[in-house]
Amino acid sequence: MKIATLDNPGWTVGIDLTETDLEEHDYPHQEINRTAQDWVRAWTAEKTFRAACGPGNLAEALALFRTWATTIAP
């Protein structure tokens, strides 16, 4: 798992799905835009869950992953 900062400001999240029950599943691209500082984007690419979000939305981005993972995984 990798969490990094954006310069606009905000966060990026990358969670490697390789060799997990989720690696063959896609997270449908989701984009939530409330304001310039309050936004979340989430998707999967190359067996990785990816998210980018505003400075106060890191918990929301991680919650999107948790909800998806617990719904998909047996």
PDB file of N, CA and C in Angstrom:
ATOM      1  N   MET A   1       0.852  -1.165   0.000  1.00  0.00           N
ATOM      2  CA  MET A   1       0.000   0.000   0.000  1.00  0.00           C
ATOM      3  C   MET A   1       0.896   1.225   0.000  1.00  0.00           C
ATOM      4  N   LYS A   2       0.518   2.207  -0.834  1.00  0.00           N
ATOM      5  CA  LYS A   2       1.306   3.427  -0.919  1.00  0.00           C
ATOM      6  C   LYS A   2       0.358   4.622  -0.832  1.00  0.00           C
ATOM      7  N   ILE A   3       0.657   5.533   0.076  1.00  0.00           N
ATOM      8  CA  ILE A   3      -0.086   6.779   0.201  1.00  0.00           C
ATOM      9  C   ILE A   3       0.913   7.907   0.023  1.00  0.00           C
ATOM     10  N   ALA A   4       0.574   8.845  -0.848  1.00  0.00           N
ATOM     11  CA  ALA A   4       1.462   9.973  -1.119  1.00  0.00           C
ATOM     12  C   ALA A   4       0.631  11.255  -1.215  1.00  0.00           C
ATOM     13  N   THR A   5       1.310  12.369  -1.136  1.00  0.00           N
ATOM     14  CA  THR A   5       0.622  13.653  -1.223  1.00  0.00           C
ATOM     15  C   THR A   5       0.628  14.165  -2.655  1.00  0.00           C
ATOM     16  N   LEU A   6      -0.383  14.970  -2.958  1.00  0.00           N
ATOM     17  CA  LEU A   6      -0.468  15.690  -4.215  1.00  0.00           C
ATOM     18  C   LEU A   6      -0.087  17.139  -3.952  1.00  0.00           C
ATOM     19  N   ASP A   7       0.313  17.848  -4.977  1.00  0.00           N
ATOM     20  CA  ASP A   7       0.713  19.239  -4.785  1.00  0.00           C
ATOM     21  C   ASP A   7      -0.437  20.228  -4.931  1.00  0.00           C
ATOM     22  N   ASN A   8      -1.669  19.759  -5.083  1.00  0.00           N
ATOM     23  CA  ASN A   8      -2.770  20.691  -5.351  1.00  0.00           C
ATOM     24  C   ASN A   8      -3.674  21.063  -4.172  1.00  0.00           C
ATOM     25  N   PRO A   9      -3.660  20.788  -2.984  1.00  0.00           N
ATOM     26  CA  PRO A   9      -3.132  19.624  -2.271  1.00  0.00           C
ATOM     27  C   PRO A   9      -4.116  18.466  -2.300  1.00  0.00           C
ATOM     28  N   GLY A  10      -3.671  17.340  -1.831  1.00  0.00           N
ATOM     29  CA  GLY A  10      -4.505  16.159  -1.780  1.00  0.00           C
ATOM     30  C   GLY A  10      -3.673  14.919  -1.554  1.00  0.00           C
ATOM     31  N   TRP A  11      -4.274  13.772  -1.808  1.00  0.00           N
ATOM     32  CA  TRP A  11      -3.644  12.474  -1.558  1.00  0.00           C
ATOM     33  C   TRP A  11      -3.797  11.551  -2.754  1.00  0.00           C
ATOM     34  N   THR A  12      -2.869  10.622  -2.901  1.00  0.00           N
ATOM     35  CA  THR A  12      -3.022   9.499  -3.820  1.00  0.00           C
ATOM     36  C   THR A  12      -2.849   8.217  -3.009  1.00  0.00           C
ATOM     37  N   VAL A  13      -3.567   7.189  -3.431  1.00  0.00           N
ATOM     38  CA  VAL A  13      -3.516   5.887  -2.769  1.00  0.00           C
ATOM     39  C   VAL A  13      -3.315   4.829  -3.846  1.00  0.00           C
ATOM     40  N   GLY A  14      -2.447   3.885  -3.588  1.00  0.00           N
ATOM     41  CA  GLY A  14      -2.272   2.732  -4.457  1.00  0.00           C
ATOM     42  C   GLY A  14      -2.204   1.478  -3.613  1.00  0.00           C
ATOM     43  N   ILE A  15      -3.076   0.517  -3.887  1.00  0.00           N
ATOM     44  CA  ILE A  15      -3.100  -0.736  -3.139  1.00  0.00           C
ATOM     45  C   ILE A  15      -2.943  -1.873  -4.137  1.00  0.00           C
ATOM     46  N   ASP A  16      -1.826  -2.565  -4.057  1.00  0.00           N
ATOM     47  CA  ASP A  16      -1.525  -3.674  -4.964  1.00  0.00           C
ATOM     48  C   ASP A  16      -2.471  -4.835  -4.678  1.00  0.00           C
ATOM     49  N   LEU A  17      -3.138  -5.298  -5.705  1.00  0.00           N
ATOM     50  CA  LEU A  17      -4.099  -6.392  -5.575  1.00  0.00           C
ATOM     51  C   LEU A  17      -3.546  -7.737  -6.022  1.00  0.00           C
ATOM     52  N   THR A  18      -2.301  -7.761  -6.480  1.00  0.00           N
ATOM     53  CA  THR A  18      -1.684  -8.985  -6.973  1.00  0.00           C
ATOM     54  C   THR A  18      -1.700 -10.062  -5.890  1.00  0.00           C
ATOM     55  N   GLU A  19      -2.087 -11.269  -6.296  1.00  0.00           N
ATOM     56  CA  GLU A  19      -2.150 -12.443  -5.423  1.00  0.00           C
ATOM     57  C   GLU A  19      -3.145 -12.262  -4.269  1.00  0.00           C
ATOM     58  N   THR A  20      -4.206 -11.496  -4.529  1.00  0.00           N
ATOM     59  CA  THR A  20      -5.301 -11.381  -3.568  1.00  0.00           C
ATOM     60  C   THR A  20      -6.582 -11.832  -4.262  1.00  0.00           C
ATOM     61  N   ASP A  21      -7.646 -11.970  -3.508  1.00  0.00           N
ATOM     62  CA  ASP A  21      -8.933 -12.336  -4.093  1.00  0.00           C
ATOM     63  C   ASP A  21      -9.494 -11.232  -4.985  1.00  0.00           C
ATOM     64  N   LEU A  22      -8.906 -10.063  -4.929  1.00  0.00           N
ATOM     65  CA  LEU A  22      -9.415  -8.917  -5.691  1.00  0.00           C
ATOM     66  C   LEU A  22      -8.693  -8.689  -7.014  1.00  0.00           C
ATOM     67  N   GLU A  23      -7.613  -9.399  -7.271  1.00  0.00           N
ATOM     68  CA  GLU A  23      -6.775  -9.071  -8.423  1.00  0.00           C
ATOM     69  C   GLU A  23      -7.483  -9.172  -9.774  1.00  0.00           C
ATOM     70  N   GLU A  24      -8.483  -9.995  -9.895  1.00  0.00           N
ATOM     71  CA  GLU A  24      -9.193 -10.140 -11.171  1.00  0.00           C
ATOM     72  C   GLU A  24     -10.465  -9.296 -11.239  1.00  0.00           C
ATOM     73  N   HIS A  25     -10.717  -8.481 -10.237  1.00  0.00           N
ATOM     74  CA  HIS A  25     -11.922  -7.652 -10.197  1.00  0.00           C
ATOM     75  C   HIS A  25     -11.580  -6.198 -10.493  1.00  0.00           C
ATOM     76  N   ASP A  26     -12.504  -5.534 -11.154  1.00  0.00           N
ATOM     77  CA  ASP A  26     -12.332  -4.112 -11.446  1.00  0.00           C
ATOM     78  C   ASP A  26     -13.228  -3.277 -10.547  1.00  0.00           C
ATOM     79  N   TYR A  27     -12.669  -2.197 -10.053  1.00  0.00           N
ATOM     80  CA  TYR A  27     -13.470  -1.207  -9.342  1.00  0.00           C
ATOM     81  C   TYR A  27     -13.948  -0.225 -10.399  1.00  0.00           C
ATOM     82  N   PRO A  28     -15.240  -0.049 -10.551  1.00  0.00           N
ATOM     83  CA  PRO A  28     -15.724   0.872 -11.586  1.00  0.00           C
ATOM     84  C   PRO A  28     -15.278   2.299 -11.279  1.00  0.00           C
ATOM     85  N   HIS A  29     -14.759   2.970 -12.281  1.00  0.00           N
ATOM     86  CA  HIS A  29     -14.262   4.341 -12.096  1.00  0.00           C
ATOM     87  C   HIS A  29     -15.338   5.188 -11.429  1.00  0.00           C
ATOM     88  N   GLN A  30     -14.974   5.805 -10.343  1.00  0.00           N
ATOM     89  CA  GLN A  30     -15.903   6.639  -9.595  1.00  0.00           C
ATOM     90  C   GLN A  30     -15.272   8.017  -9.400  1.00  0.00           C
ATOM     91  N   GLU A  31     -16.063   9.038  -9.616  1.00  0.00           N
ATOM     92  CA  GLU A  31     -15.585  10.402  -9.447  1.00  0.00           C
ATOM     93  C   GLU A  31     -16.634  11.205  -8.684  1.00  0.00           C
ATOM     94  N   ILE A  32     -16.229  11.727  -7.530  1.00  0.00           N
ATOM     95  CA  ILE A  32     -17.108  12.541  -6.701  1.00  0.00           C
ATOM     96  C   ILE A  32     -16.477  13.924  -6.598  1.00  0.00           C
ATOM     97  N   ASN A  33     -17.149  14.930  -7.113  1.00  0.00           N
ATOM     98  CA  ASN A  33     -16.644  16.301  -7.081  1.00  0.00           C
ATOM     99  C   ASN A  33     -17.625  17.182  -6.339  1.00  0.00           C
ATOM    100  N   ARG A  34     -17.244  17.598  -5.151  1.00  0.00           N
ATOM    101  CA  ARG A  34     -18.102  18.484  -4.365  1.00  0.00           C
ATOM    102  C   ARG A  34     -17.608  19.935  -4.468  1.00  0.00           C
ATOM    103  N   THR A  35     -16.331  20.134  -4.177  1.00  0.00           N
ATOM    104  CA  THR A  35     -15.702  21.455  -4.301  1.00  0.00           C
ATOM    105  C   THR A  35     -14.260  21.234  -4.751  1.00  0.00           C
ATOM    106  N   ALA A  36     -13.516  22.321  -4.917  1.00  0.00           N
ATOM    107  CA  ALA A  36     -12.113  22.210  -5.333  1.00  0.00           C
ATOM    108  C   ALA A  36     -11.253  21.485  -4.291  1.00  0.00           C
ATOM    109  N   GLN A  37     -11.676  21.481  -3.037  1.00  0.00           N
ATOM    110  CA  GLN A  37     -10.925  20.817  -1.969  1.00  0.00           C
ATOM    111  C   GLN A  37     -11.592  19.524  -1.484  1.00  0.00           C
ATOM    112  N   ASP A  38     -12.787  19.247  -1.946  1.00  0.00           N
ATOM    113  CA  ASP A  38     -13.585  18.114  -1.462  1.00  0.00           C
ATOM    114  C   ASP A  38     -13.970  17.227  -2.644  1.00  0.00           C
ATOM    115  N   TRP A  39     -13.114  16.263  -2.942  1.00  0.00           N
ATOM    116  CA  TRP A  39     -13.327  15.401  -4.105  1.00  0.00           C
ATOM    117  C   TRP A  39     -12.620  14.060  -3.911  1.00  0.00           C
ATOM    118  N   VAL A  40     -13.100  13.046  -4.630  1.00  0.00           N
ATOM    119  CA  VAL A  40     -12.496  11.704  -4.591  1.00  0.00           C
ATOM    120  C   VAL A  40     -12.653  11.070  -5.965  1.00  0.00           C
ATOM    121  N   ARG A  41     -11.604  10.434  -6.434  1.00  0.00           N
ATOM    122  CA  ARG A  41     -11.648   9.608  -7.641  1.00  0.00           C
ATOM    123  C   ARG A  41     -11.064   8.253  -7.274  1.00  0.00           C
ATOM    124  N   ALA A  42     -11.697   7.186  -7.743  1.00  0.00           N
ATOM    125  CA  ALA A  42     -11.213   5.833  -7.443  1.00  0.00           C
ATOM    126  C   ALA A  42     -11.410   4.946  -8.665  1.00  0.00           C
ATOM    127  N   TRP A  43     -10.475   4.007  -8.878  1.00  0.00           N
ATOM    128  CA  TRP A  43     -10.526   3.103 -10.019  1.00  0.00           C
ATOM    129  C   TRP A  43      -9.501   1.986  -9.800  1.00  0.00           C
ATOM    130  N   THR A  44      -9.528   0.971 -10.646  1.00  0.00           N
ATOM    131  CA  THR A  44      -8.470  -0.032 -10.661  1.00  0.00           C
ATOM    132  C   THR A  44      -7.766   0.042 -11.999  1.00  0.00           C
ATOM    133  N   ALA A  45      -6.478  -0.220 -11.953  1.00  0.00           N
ATOM    134  CA  ALA A  45      -5.656  -0.287 -13.159  1.00  0.00           C
ATOM    135  C   ALA A  45      -4.446  -1.160 -12.856  1.00  0.00           C
ATOM    136  N   GLU A  46      -4.124  -2.056 -13.759  1.00  0.00           N
ATOM    137  CA  GLU A  46      -2.946  -2.913 -13.629  1.00  0.00           C
ATOM    138  C   GLU A  46      -2.891  -3.616 -12.267  1.00  0.00           C
ATOM    139  N   LYS A  47      -4.010  -4.230 -11.890  1.00  0.00           N
ATOM    140  CA  LYS A  47      -4.130  -4.981 -10.642  1.00  0.00           C
ATOM    141  C   LYS A  47      -3.803  -4.136  -9.409  1.00  0.00           C
ATOM    142  N   THR A  48      -4.188  -2.870  -9.481  1.00  0.00           N
ATOM    143  CA  THR A  48      -3.983  -1.950  -8.364  1.00  0.00           C
ATOM    144  C   THR A  48      -5.238  -1.113  -8.172  1.00  0.00           C
ATOM    145  N   PHE A  49      -5.693  -1.005  -6.924  1.00  0.00           N
ATOM    146  CA  PHE A  49      -6.750  -0.053  -6.611  1.00  0.00           C
ATOM    147  C   PHE A  49      -6.074   1.295  -6.468  1.00  0.00           C
ATOM    148  N   ARG A  50      -6.609   2.281  -7.159  1.00  0.00           N
ATOM    149  CA  ARG A  50      -6.028   3.620  -7.118  1.00  0.00           C
ATOM    150  C   ARG A  50      -7.093   4.623  -6.694  1.00  0.00           C
ATOM    151  N   ALA A  51      -6.660   5.615  -5.959  1.00  0.00           N
ATOM    152  CA  ALA A  51      -7.557   6.701  -5.573  1.00  0.00           C
ATOM    153  C   ALA A  51      -6.745   7.983  -5.505  1.00  0.00           C
ATOM    154  N   ALA A  52      -7.409   9.076  -5.787  1.00  0.00           N
ATOM    155  CA  ALA A  52      -6.853  10.413  -5.610  1.00  0.00           C
ATOM    156  C   ALA A  52      -7.970  11.215  -4.963  1.00  0.00           C
ATOM    157  N   CYS A  53      -7.595  12.128  -4.073  1.00  0.00           N
ATOM    158  CA  CYS A  53      -8.642  12.844  -3.347  1.00  0.00           C
ATOM    159  C   CYS A  53      -8.126  14.170  -2.808  1.00  0.00           C
ATOM    160  N   GLY A  54      -9.071  14.966  -2.366  1.00  0.00           N
ATOM    161  CA  GLY A  54      -8.755  16.234  -1.747  1.00  0.00           C
ATOM    162  C   GLY A  54      -8.097  16.040  -0.392  1.00  0.00           C
ATOM    163  N   PRO A  55      -7.612  17.126   0.209  1.00  0.00           N
ATOM    164  CA  PRO A  55      -6.843  17.021   1.453  1.00  0.00           C
ATOM    165  C   PRO A  55      -7.628  16.459   2.636  1.00  0.00           C
ATOM    166  N   GLY A  56      -8.930  16.600   2.664  1.00  0.00           N
ATOM    167  CA  GLY A  56      -9.722  16.087   3.766  1.00  0.00           C
ATOM    168  C   GLY A  56     -10.464  14.803   3.460  1.00  0.00           C
ATOM    169  N   ASN A  57     -10.124  14.144   2.332  1.00  0.00           N
ATOM    170  CA  ASN A  57     -10.897  12.991   1.868  1.00  0.00           C
ATOM    171  C   ASN A  57     -10.145  11.665   1.902  1.00  0.00           C
ATOM    172  N   LEU A  58      -9.006  11.605   2.573  1.00  0.00           N
ATOM    173  CA  LEU A  58      -8.244  10.357   2.597  1.00  0.00           C
ATOM    174  C   LEU A  58      -9.053   9.227   3.236  1.00  0.00           C
ATOM    175  N   ALA A  59      -9.697   9.485   4.354  1.00  0.00           N
ATOM    176  CA  ALA A  59     -10.501   8.444   5.008  1.00  0.00           C
ATOM    177  C   ALA A  59     -11.628   7.969   4.095  1.00  0.00           C
ATOM    178  N   GLU A  60     -12.228   8.878   3.350  1.00  0.00           N
ATOM    179  CA  GLU A  60     -13.296   8.506   2.418  1.00  0.00           C
ATOM    180  C   GLU A  60     -12.762   7.612   1.305  1.00  0.00           C
ATOM    181  N   ALA A  61     -11.591   7.941   0.766  1.00  0.00           N
ATOM    182  CA  ALA A  61     -10.984   7.123  -0.289  1.00  0.00           C
ATOM    183  C   ALA A  61     -10.677   5.721   0.228  1.00  0.00           C
ATOM    184  N   LEU A  62     -10.130   5.622   1.427  1.00  0.00           N
ATOM    185  CA  LEU A  62      -9.837   4.311   2.010  1.00  0.00           C
ATOM    186  C   LEU A  62     -11.111   3.542   2.320  1.00  0.00           C
ATOM    187  N   ALA A  63     -12.162   4.248   2.712  1.00  0.00           N
ATOM    188  CA  ALA A  63     -13.453   3.595   2.973  1.00  0.00           C
ATOM    189  C   ALA A  63     -14.050   3.020   1.690  1.00  0.00           C
ATOM    190  N   LEU A  64     -13.857   3.710   0.557  1.00  0.00           N
ATOM    191  CA  LEU A  64     -14.326   3.174  -0.722  1.00  0.00           C
ATOM    192  C   LEU A  64     -13.661   1.826  -0.996  1.00  0.00           C
ATOM    193  N   PHE A  65     -12.336   1.756  -0.750  1.00  0.00           N
ATOM    194  CA  PHE A  65     -11.630   0.493  -0.952  1.00  0.00           C
ATOM    195  C   PHE A  65     -12.165  -0.575   0.002  1.00  0.00           C
ATOM    196  N   ARG A  66     -12.284  -0.239   1.257  1.00  0.00           N
ATOM    197  CA  ARG A  66     -12.740  -1.224   2.250  1.00  0.00           C
ATOM    198  C   ARG A  66     -14.128  -1.765   1.909  1.00  0.00           C
ATOM    199  N   THR A  67     -15.036  -0.879   1.546  1.00  0.00           N
ATOM    200  CA  THR A  67     -16.387  -1.308   1.177  1.00  0.00           C
ATOM    201  C   THR A  67     -16.357  -2.236  -0.021  1.00  0.00           C
ATOM    202  N   TRP A  68     -15.607  -1.861  -1.052  1.00  0.00           N
ATOM    203  CA  TRP A  68     -15.486  -2.686  -2.259  1.00  0.00           C
ATOM    204  C   TRP A  68     -14.832  -4.025  -1.932  1.00  0.00           C
ATOM    205  N   ALA A  69     -13.744  -4.007  -1.176  1.00  0.00           N
ATOM    206  CA  ALA A  69     -13.018  -5.240  -0.872  1.00  0.00           C
ATOM    207  C   ALA A  69     -13.866  -6.208  -0.064  1.00  0.00           C
ATOM    208  N   THR A  70     -14.622  -5.710   0.880  1.00  0.00           N
ATOM    209  CA  THR A  70     -15.427  -6.606   1.714  1.00  0.00           C
ATOM    210  C   THR A  70     -16.660  -7.101   0.978  1.00  0.00           C
ATOM    211  N   THR A  71     -17.060  -6.402  -0.069  1.00  0.00           N
ATOM    212  CA  THR A  71     -18.180  -6.841  -0.882  1.00  0.00           C
ATOM    213  C   THR A  71     -17.752  -7.918  -1.880  1.00  0.00           C
ATOM    214  N   ILE A  72     -16.543  -7.785  -2.422  1.00  0.00           N
ATOM    215  CA  ILE A  72     -16.040  -8.689  -3.461  1.00  0.00           C
ATOM    216  C   ILE A  72     -15.424  -9.955  -2.863  1.00  0.00           C
ATOM    217  N   ALA A  73     -14.591  -9.781  -1.866  1.00  0.00           N
ATOM    218  CA  ALA A  73     -13.840 -10.926  -1.314  1.00  0.00           C
ATOM    219  C   ALA A  73     -14.786 -11.886  -0.596  1.00  0.00           C
ATOM    220  N   PRO A  74     -14.480 -13.184  -0.693  1.00  0.00           N
ATOM    221  CA  PRO A  74     -15.330 -14.193  -0.044  1.00  0.00           C
ATOM    222  C   PRO A  74     -15.232 -14.139   1.478  1.00  0.00           C
TER     223      PRO A  74
END
